[in-house]
Amino acid sequence: MATATIVIDPGHGGTGSIGGSDGNHAVSPSGVKEKDLTLILANLTKTALETAATTAGFTLNIIMTRTTDVNLSLADRAGVARTNHADRFVSIHLNGFNKVTRGVETYVRRPHDNVNFADDKRFAGRIQSAVFDVIEGFDPGTNDRGVKAEKFGVLNDVALGNTTGGKVRACLLEVEFLDVPKVDVLLNTGPNANQVRTSIAKAIAEAIIKDLIDP
């Protein structure tokens, strides 16, 4: 039976900024904070991964960077992957901008400072497609904003351990724009909110398993 270590990073947490990670960013119209929803989605993803792993014949070591309302620096979040010799790392976030812009987007580290750029991009593409398909199924008003490259500290190769023999593929997922009223209904206040959250988590989990099976 194949084995792998997966690190799930619920974005933000706590009340203050630490090492480039602020306590919270987006807030929904109904008052749901990004830091709380990322933890909910991360826990659901962990459960979905356990189920998907059994079906696929994998033994997974699933590690959360946080399990409570605390904040960690970006380097410390990535460091969980380095310390545990992770195979995959996913940081879960929700956007917030102008209360109108919508869509799903996934980020990798820029190609000129990312030793795993091609692999990261393929992994991120699988996460992106899976999550977008789920959300579009519940609400066609979403947009596929694609895979993008940025200089995000949580995806830094040194922090992840990829410059010292590490092999972790890493991406940061922005599930949707939490400040949009329709997204708030979709994820928090609507009658299908729990189903949507669970389906998103299942999509993330299945994309991770797919990437492990077909690297």
Protein backbone atom coordinates (compact mmCIF):
# COMPACT_ATOMS: atom_id res chain seq x y z
CA MET A 1 0.00 0.00 0.00
CA ALA A 2 1.41 3.37 -1.03
CA THR A 3 2.10 5.96 1.63
CA ALA A 4 2.25 9.77 1.52
CA THR A 5 2.24 12.77 3.83
CA ILE A 6 -0.22 15.58 3.16
CA VAL A 7 -0.13 18.96 4.89
CA ILE A 8 -3.30 21.05 4.91
CA ASP A 9 -2.89 24.69 5.87
CA PRO A 10 -6.01 26.60 6.98
CA GLY A 11 -5.12 30.21 6.16
CA HIS A 12 -4.86 32.94 8.81
CA GLY A 13 -5.99 32.50 12.43
CA GLY A 14 -5.69 34.21 15.80
CA THR A 15 -5.92 37.94 16.28
CA GLY A 16 -2.64 39.44 15.11
CA SER A 17 -0.17 39.35 12.26
CA ILE A 18 2.78 36.98 12.56
CA GLY A 19 5.58 36.60 10.05
CA GLY A 20 3.61 37.78 7.03
CA SER A 21 0.39 35.99 8.00
CA ASP A 22 -2.40 38.30 9.16
CA GLY A 23 -5.01 37.08 11.59
CA ASN A 24 -7.83 37.44 9.10
CA HIS A 25 -8.44 38.93 5.67
CA ALA A 26 -11.89 38.46 4.15
CA VAL A 27 -15.23 38.68 5.97
CA SER A 28 -18.59 37.67 4.53
CA PRO A 29 -21.66 39.96 4.59
CA SER A 30 -23.13 37.76 7.33
CA GLY A 31 -19.96 38.09 9.42
CA VAL A 32 -18.21 34.80 8.73
CA LYS A 33 -14.45 35.28 8.92
CA GLU A 34 -12.07 33.74 6.42
CA LYS A 35 -9.92 32.28 9.20
CA ASP A 36 -12.89 30.32 10.57
CA LEU A 37 -14.11 29.05 7.21
CA THR A 38 -10.63 27.95 6.15
CA LEU A 39 -10.39 25.83 9.29
CA ILE A 40 -13.82 24.31 8.63
CA LEU A 41 -12.87 23.49 5.04
CA ALA A 42 -9.50 22.09 6.12
CA ASN A 43 -11.13 19.76 8.64
CA LEU A 44 -13.63 18.60 6.02
CA THR A 45 -10.77 18.04 3.58
CA LYS A 46 -8.91 15.94 6.14
CA THR A 47 -11.99 13.74 6.59
CA ALA A 48 -12.52 13.49 2.83
CA LEU A 49 -8.86 12.57 2.34
CA GLU A 50 -9.12 9.74 4.84
CA THR A 51 -12.06 8.30 2.92
CA ALA A 52 -10.50 8.83 -0.51
CA ALA A 53 -7.21 7.29 0.61
CA THR A 54 -8.89 4.10 1.76
CA THR A 55 -10.69 3.77 -1.56
CA ALA A 56 -7.50 4.41 -3.54
CA GLY A 57 -5.33 2.09 -1.44
CA PHE A 58 -3.18 4.82 0.12
CA THR A 59 -1.96 5.16 3.67
CA LEU A 60 -1.86 8.89 4.34
CA ASN A 61 -0.26 10.87 7.12
CA ILE A 62 -2.48 13.97 7.13
CA ILE A 63 -1.17 16.96 9.09
CA MET A 64 -2.90 20.28 9.76
CA THR A 65 -0.74 23.36 10.29
CA ARG A 66 -3.30 24.50 12.84
CA THR A 67 -6.36 22.94 14.47
CA THR A 68 -7.48 25.91 16.57
CA ASP A 69 -7.83 29.69 16.17
CA VAL A 70 -4.13 30.53 16.24
CA ASN A 71 -1.85 32.16 13.70
CA LEU A 72 1.47 30.88 12.39
CA SER A 73 4.05 32.69 10.33
CA LEU A 74 4.19 31.85 6.64
CA ALA A 75 7.58 30.21 7.16
CA ASP A 76 6.26 28.11 10.05
CA ARG A 77 3.28 26.96 7.98
CA ALA A 78 5.57 25.84 5.16
CA GLY A 79 7.97 24.45 7.75
CA VAL A 80 5.38 21.87 8.78
CA ALA A 81 5.77 20.39 5.30
CA ARG A 82 9.56 20.51 5.53
CA THR A 83 9.74 18.94 8.99
CA ASN A 84 7.35 16.14 8.08
CA HIS A 85 8.84 15.50 4.62
CA ALA A 86 5.46 16.14 3.03
CA ASP A 87 4.54 15.03 -0.45
CA ARG A 88 1.75 17.60 -0.97
CA PHE A 89 0.95 20.94 0.67
CA VAL A 90 -2.30 22.87 0.18
CA SER A 91 -2.97 26.25 1.79
CA ILE A 92 -6.70 27.06 1.86
CA HIS A 93 -7.91 30.67 1.64
CA LEU A 94 -10.86 32.78 0.54
CA ASN A 95 -10.56 36.04 -1.35
CA GLY A 96 -12.06 39.42 -0.57
CA PHE A 97 -11.92 42.43 -2.86
CA ASN A 98 -14.80 44.65 -3.97
CA LYS A 99 -17.91 42.62 -3.07
CA VAL A 100 -18.50 41.93 -6.77
CA THR A 101 -15.50 40.06 -8.20
CA ARG A 102 -15.97 36.30 -8.15
CA GLY A 103 -14.18 33.09 -8.95
CA VAL A 104 -11.82 30.30 -7.95
CA GLU A 105 -8.06 30.67 -8.36
CA THR A 106 -5.03 28.66 -7.33
CA TYR A 107 -1.46 29.89 -6.89
CA VAL A 108 2.00 28.41 -7.17
CA ARG A 109 5.39 29.98 -6.55
CA ARG A 110 6.90 31.89 -9.49
CA PRO A 111 8.94 29.82 -11.96
CA HIS A 112 12.26 31.61 -11.43
CA ASP A 113 12.33 30.75 -7.72
CA ASN A 114 10.47 27.45 -7.72
CA VAL A 115 12.40 24.24 -8.31
CA ASN A 116 9.14 22.33 -8.71
CA PHE A 117 7.29 24.80 -10.93
CA ALA A 118 6.06 22.34 -13.56
CA ASP A 119 4.94 19.80 -10.96
CA ASP A 120 3.39 22.47 -8.76
CA LYS A 121 1.48 23.88 -11.72
CA ARG A 122 0.12 20.46 -12.66
CA PHE A 123 -0.91 19.83 -9.05
CA ALA A 124 -2.51 23.28 -8.75
CA GLY A 125 -4.36 22.73 -12.01
CA ARG A 126 -5.95 19.61 -10.62
CA ILE A 127 -7.02 21.40 -7.45
CA GLN A 128 -8.30 24.36 -9.47
CA SER A 129 -10.36 22.30 -11.90
CA ALA A 130 -11.87 20.10 -9.20
CA VAL A 131 -12.96 22.96 -6.95
CA PHE A 132 -14.21 25.14 -9.79
CA ASP A 133 -16.32 22.31 -11.20
CA VAL A 134 -17.97 21.76 -7.82
CA ILE A 135 -18.74 25.42 -7.21
CA GLU A 136 -19.99 25.97 -10.76
CA GLY A 137 -22.33 23.03 -10.27
CA PHE A 138 -23.99 24.82 -7.38
CA ASP A 139 -23.68 28.36 -8.76
CA PRO A 140 -22.93 29.10 -12.44
CA GLY A 141 -22.09 32.68 -11.43
CA THR A 142 -18.58 31.71 -10.38
CA ASN A 143 -15.54 32.12 -12.64
CA ASP A 144 -12.52 29.98 -13.40
CA ARG A 145 -9.67 32.39 -12.68
CA GLY A 146 -7.07 29.72 -13.34
CA VAL A 147 -3.64 28.90 -11.96
CA LYS A 148 -1.39 31.87 -11.25
CA ALA A 149 2.18 32.36 -10.06
CA GLU A 150 3.11 34.74 -7.24
CA LYS A 151 5.82 35.26 -4.63
CA PHE A 152 3.83 33.84 -1.72
CA GLY A 153 5.90 33.15 1.39
CA VAL A 154 3.95 30.05 2.30
CA LEU A 155 5.08 28.51 -1.00
CA ASN A 156 8.76 29.40 -0.56
CA ASP A 157 11.07 26.54 -1.55
CA VAL A 158 13.50 27.15 1.30
CA ALA A 159 10.70 27.10 3.89
CA LEU A 160 9.14 24.01 2.30
CA GLY A 161 12.50 22.24 2.23
CA ASN A 162 12.63 21.82 -1.52
CA THR A 163 16.16 23.21 -1.75
CA THR A 164 17.50 20.50 0.57
CA GLY A 165 16.14 17.38 -1.09
CA GLY A 166 12.47 17.94 -0.36
CA LYS A 167 9.85 16.83 -2.85
CA VAL A 168 6.71 18.62 -1.74
CA ARG A 169 4.34 19.94 -4.38
CA ALA A 170 2.62 23.03 -3.06
CA CYS A 171 -0.21 25.37 -3.97
CA LEU A 172 -2.47 27.98 -2.41
CA LEU A 173 -6.19 27.75 -3.17
CA GLU A 174 -8.52 30.77 -3.08
CA VAL A 175 -11.90 29.03 -2.90
CA GLU A 176 -14.03 32.07 -3.82
CA PHE A 177 -14.55 35.74 -2.92
CA LEU A 178 -16.06 35.64 0.55
CA ASP A 179 -17.16 39.28 0.52
CA VAL A 180 -19.69 38.68 -2.29
CA PRO A 181 -23.29 38.24 -1.00
CA LYS A 182 -24.04 35.31 -3.33
CA VAL A 183 -20.91 33.53 -2.16
CA ASP A 184 -21.95 34.06 1.45
CA VAL A 185 -25.25 32.36 0.67
CA LEU A 186 -23.45 29.60 -1.20
CA LEU A 187 -20.94 28.80 1.54
CA ASN A 188 -22.53 29.99 4.77
CA THR A 189 -26.17 31.00 4.98
CA GLY A 190 -27.93 29.12 2.19
CA PRO A 191 -29.80 25.81 2.50
CA ASN A 192 -27.06 23.93 0.64
CA ALA A 193 -24.08 25.51 2.43
CA ASN A 194 -23.04 22.36 4.29
CA GLN A 195 -23.32 20.30 1.12
CA VAL A 196 -21.26 22.84 -0.81
CA ARG A 197 -18.52 22.89 1.83
CA THR A 198 -18.38 19.11 1.96
CA SER A 199 -18.30 18.87 -1.83
CA ILE A 200 -15.44 21.38 -2.06
CA ALA A 201 -13.47 19.40 0.52
CA LYS A 202 -14.12 16.16 -1.36
CA ALA A 203 -12.93 17.80 -4.59
CA ILE A 204 -9.67 18.93 -2.95
CA ALA A 205 -9.13 15.48 -1.49
CA GLU A 206 -9.78 13.67 -4.76
CA ALA A 207 -7.47 16.03 -6.65
CA ILE A 208 -4.68 15.31 -4.15
CA ILE A 209 -5.18 11.56 -4.51
CA LYS A 210 -5.23 11.87 -8.30
CA ASP A 211 -1.94 13.74 -8.20
CA LEU A 212 -0.40 11.06 -6.01
CA ILE A 213 -1.56 8.28 -8.34
CA ASP A 214 -0.50 10.09 -11.52
CA PRO A 215 2.38 12.39 -10.47
